Amino acid sequence: CFDVYATGDSMANYINGGDAVGIDISDITPKDGEVYALFLDGDLMIKRIFKEAGGVIRLSSDNKQYTDKIVTQDNGDSLIIIGRVVYRSG
């Protein structure tokens, strides 16, 4: 595990800017509805993962002001899961 400090408000109220976030880097297999630290197109982010039909993965922010990001076979190579969020505090 390692800790990072969140920036931004895309996961508010679950994770707020400045919160310490613990990431379990041994848990990289996405589980539906769980929150993960990941890279998409080279951008580091924390998102909730939802598995959808046809192997599609939807990356969702808890703050609904942000649109979901969709990962398909076409852009799936740009998704790198760092680990699952196991705690947050702040």
C-alpha atoms as a PDB file:
ATOM      1  CA  CYS A   1       0.000   0.000   0.000  1.00  0.00           C
ATOM      2  CA  PHE A   2       0.972   3.611  -0.388  1.00  0.00           C
ATOM      3  CA  ASP A   3      -0.644   6.963   0.325  1.00  0.00           C
ATOM      4  CA  VAL A   4      -1.397   9.840  -2.010  1.00  0.00           C
ATOM      5  CA  TYR A   5      -3.077  13.167  -1.430  1.00  0.00           C
ATOM      6  CA  ALA A   6      -6.132  13.851  -3.551  1.00  0.00           C
ATOM      7  CA  THR A   7      -6.538  16.978  -5.623  1.00  0.00           C
ATOM      8  CA  GLY A   8      -9.712  18.260  -7.221  1.00  0.00           C
ATOM      9  CA  ASP A   9     -13.341  17.509  -6.499  1.00  0.00           C
ATOM     10  CA  SER A  10     -14.317  14.811  -9.005  1.00  0.00           C
ATOM     11  CA  MET A  11     -14.833  12.215  -6.239  1.00  0.00           C
ATOM     12  CA  ALA A  12     -16.419  14.570  -3.666  1.00  0.00           C
ATOM     13  CA  ASN A  13     -17.904  13.812  -1.106  1.00  0.00           C
ATOM     14  CA  TYR A  14     -16.275  10.375  -0.942  1.00  0.00           C
ATOM     15  CA  ILE A  15     -12.782  11.829  -1.486  1.00  0.00           C
ATOM     16  CA  ASN A  16     -12.124  15.558  -1.249  1.00  0.00           C
ATOM     17  CA  GLY A  17      -9.112  17.619  -2.289  1.00  0.00           C
ATOM     18  CA  GLY A  18      -6.355  17.254   0.313  1.00  0.00           C
ATOM     19  CA  ASP A  19      -7.617  13.911   1.653  1.00  0.00           C
ATOM     20  CA  ALA A  20      -5.031  11.187   2.266  1.00  0.00           C
ATOM     21  CA  VAL A  21      -5.924   8.152   0.170  1.00  0.00           C
ATOM     22  CA  GLY A  22      -4.515   4.662   0.728  1.00  0.00           C
ATOM     23  CA  ILE A  23      -3.964   2.595  -2.422  1.00  0.00           C
ATOM     24  CA  ASP A  24      -3.518  -1.194  -2.361  1.00  0.00           C
ATOM     25  CA  ILE A  25      -1.247  -1.771  -5.357  1.00  0.00           C
ATOM     26  CA  SER A  26      -1.681  -5.565  -5.111  1.00  0.00           C
ATOM     27  CA  ASP A  27      -5.380  -5.220  -6.035  1.00  0.00           C
ATOM     28  CA  ILE A  28      -5.476  -4.265  -9.722  1.00  0.00           C
ATOM     29  CA  THR A  29      -8.317  -6.467 -10.971  1.00  0.00           C
ATOM     30  CA  PRO A  30     -11.331  -4.161 -11.236  1.00  0.00           C
ATOM     31  CA  LYS A  31     -14.359  -5.019  -9.136  1.00  0.00           C
ATOM     32  CA  ASP A  32     -17.671  -3.475 -10.106  1.00  0.00           C
ATOM     33  CA  GLY A  33     -18.478  -0.354  -8.097  1.00  0.00           C
ATOM     34  CA  GLU A  34     -15.083  -0.136  -6.347  1.00  0.00           C
ATOM     35  CA  VAL A  35     -12.782   2.909  -6.426  1.00  0.00           C
ATOM     36  CA  TYR A  36      -9.334   2.697  -8.027  1.00  0.00           C
ATOM     37  CA  ALA A  37      -6.331   4.884  -8.712  1.00  0.00           C
ATOM     38  CA  LEU A  38      -5.508   4.622 -12.393  1.00  0.00           C
ATOM     39  CA  PHE A  39      -3.966   6.179 -15.456  1.00  0.00           C
ATOM     40  CA  LEU A  40      -6.092   6.827 -18.536  1.00  0.00           C
ATOM     41  CA  ASP A  41      -4.397   8.358 -21.564  1.00  0.00           C
ATOM     42  CA  GLY A  42      -1.495   9.264 -19.267  1.00  0.00           C
ATOM     43  CA  ASP A  43      -3.703  11.162 -16.786  1.00  0.00           C
ATOM     44  CA  LEU A  44      -3.606  10.076 -13.136  1.00  0.00           C
ATOM     45  CA  MET A  45      -7.060   9.863 -11.555  1.00  0.00           C
ATOM     46  CA  ILE A  46      -9.204   8.178  -8.925  1.00  0.00           C
ATOM     47  CA  LYS A  47     -12.495   6.822 -10.272  1.00  0.00           C
ATOM     48  CA  ARG A  48     -15.244   4.353  -9.462  1.00  0.00           C
ATOM     49  CA  ILE A  49     -15.193   1.461 -11.946  1.00  0.00           C
ATOM     50  CA  PHE A  50     -18.304  -0.138 -13.410  1.00  0.00           C
ATOM     51  CA  LYS A  51     -18.180  -3.157 -15.714  1.00  0.00           C
ATOM     52  CA  GLU A  52     -20.703  -3.058 -18.533  1.00  0.00           C
ATOM     53  CA  ALA A  53     -21.791  -5.354 -21.345  1.00  0.00           C
ATOM     54  CA  GLY A  54     -19.322  -6.205 -24.078  1.00  0.00           C
ATOM     55  CA  GLY A  55     -16.236  -5.684 -21.929  1.00  0.00           C
ATOM     56  CA  VAL A  56     -16.833  -1.945 -21.633  1.00  0.00           C
ATOM     57  CA  ILE A  57     -15.572  -0.263 -18.462  1.00  0.00           C
ATOM     58  CA  ARG A  58     -17.160   2.969 -17.250  1.00  0.00           C
ATOM     59  CA  LEU A  59     -15.032   5.244 -15.070  1.00  0.00           C
ATOM     60  CA  SER A  60     -17.324   7.362 -12.949  1.00  0.00           C
ATOM     61  CA  SER A  61     -16.817  10.354 -10.685  1.00  0.00           C
ATOM     62  CA  ASP A  62     -18.942  10.560  -7.548  1.00  0.00           C
ATOM     63  CA  ASN A  63     -19.376  14.285  -8.290  1.00  0.00           C
ATOM     64  CA  LYS A  64     -21.970  14.236 -11.073  1.00  0.00           C
ATOM     65  CA  GLN A  65     -20.643  17.516 -12.498  1.00  0.00           C
ATOM     66  CA  TYR A  66     -18.066  15.298 -14.249  1.00  0.00           C
ATOM     67  CA  THR A  67     -18.966  13.070 -17.179  1.00  0.00           C
ATOM     68  CA  ASP A  68     -18.137   9.377 -17.173  1.00  0.00           C
ATOM     69  CA  LYS A  69     -15.189   8.103 -19.174  1.00  0.00           C
ATOM     70  CA  ILE A  70     -15.758   4.989 -21.271  1.00  0.00           C
ATOM     71  CA  VAL A  71     -13.010   2.417 -21.870  1.00  0.00           C
ATOM     72  CA  THR A  72     -13.484   0.028 -24.803  1.00  0.00           C
ATOM     73  CA  GLN A  73     -11.222  -2.249 -26.813  1.00  0.00           C
ATOM     74  CA  ASP A  74     -10.298   0.784 -28.933  1.00  0.00           C
ATOM     75  CA  ASN A  75      -8.772   2.764 -26.036  1.00  0.00           C
ATOM     76  CA  GLY A  76      -8.290  -0.003 -23.457  1.00  0.00           C
ATOM     77  CA  ASP A  77      -4.516  -0.034 -23.881  1.00  0.00           C
ATOM     78  CA  SER A  78      -4.404   3.444 -22.332  1.00  0.00           C
ATOM     79  CA  LEU A  79      -5.966   2.204 -19.046  1.00  0.00           C
ATOM     80  CA  ILE A  80      -3.490   1.235 -16.325  1.00  0.00           C
ATOM     81  CA  ILE A  81      -4.946   0.358 -12.918  1.00  0.00           C
ATOM     82  CA  ILE A  82      -2.542   1.279 -10.116  1.00  0.00           C
ATOM     83  CA  GLY A  83      -4.573  -0.156  -7.239  1.00  0.00           C
ATOM     84  CA  ARG A  84      -7.792  -0.103  -5.243  1.00  0.00           C
ATOM     85  CA  VAL A  85      -8.583   2.644  -2.762  1.00  0.00           C
ATOM     86  CA  VAL A  86      -8.663   0.986   0.665  1.00  0.00           C
ATOM     87  CA  TYR A  87      -9.052   4.044   2.895  1.00  0.00           C
ATOM     88  CA  ARG A  88      -9.386   7.782   2.824  1.00  0.00           C
ATOM     89  CA  SER A  89      -9.152  10.453   5.485  1.00  0.00           C
ATOM     90  CA  GLY A  90      -9.159  14.166   5.629  1.00  0.00           C
END
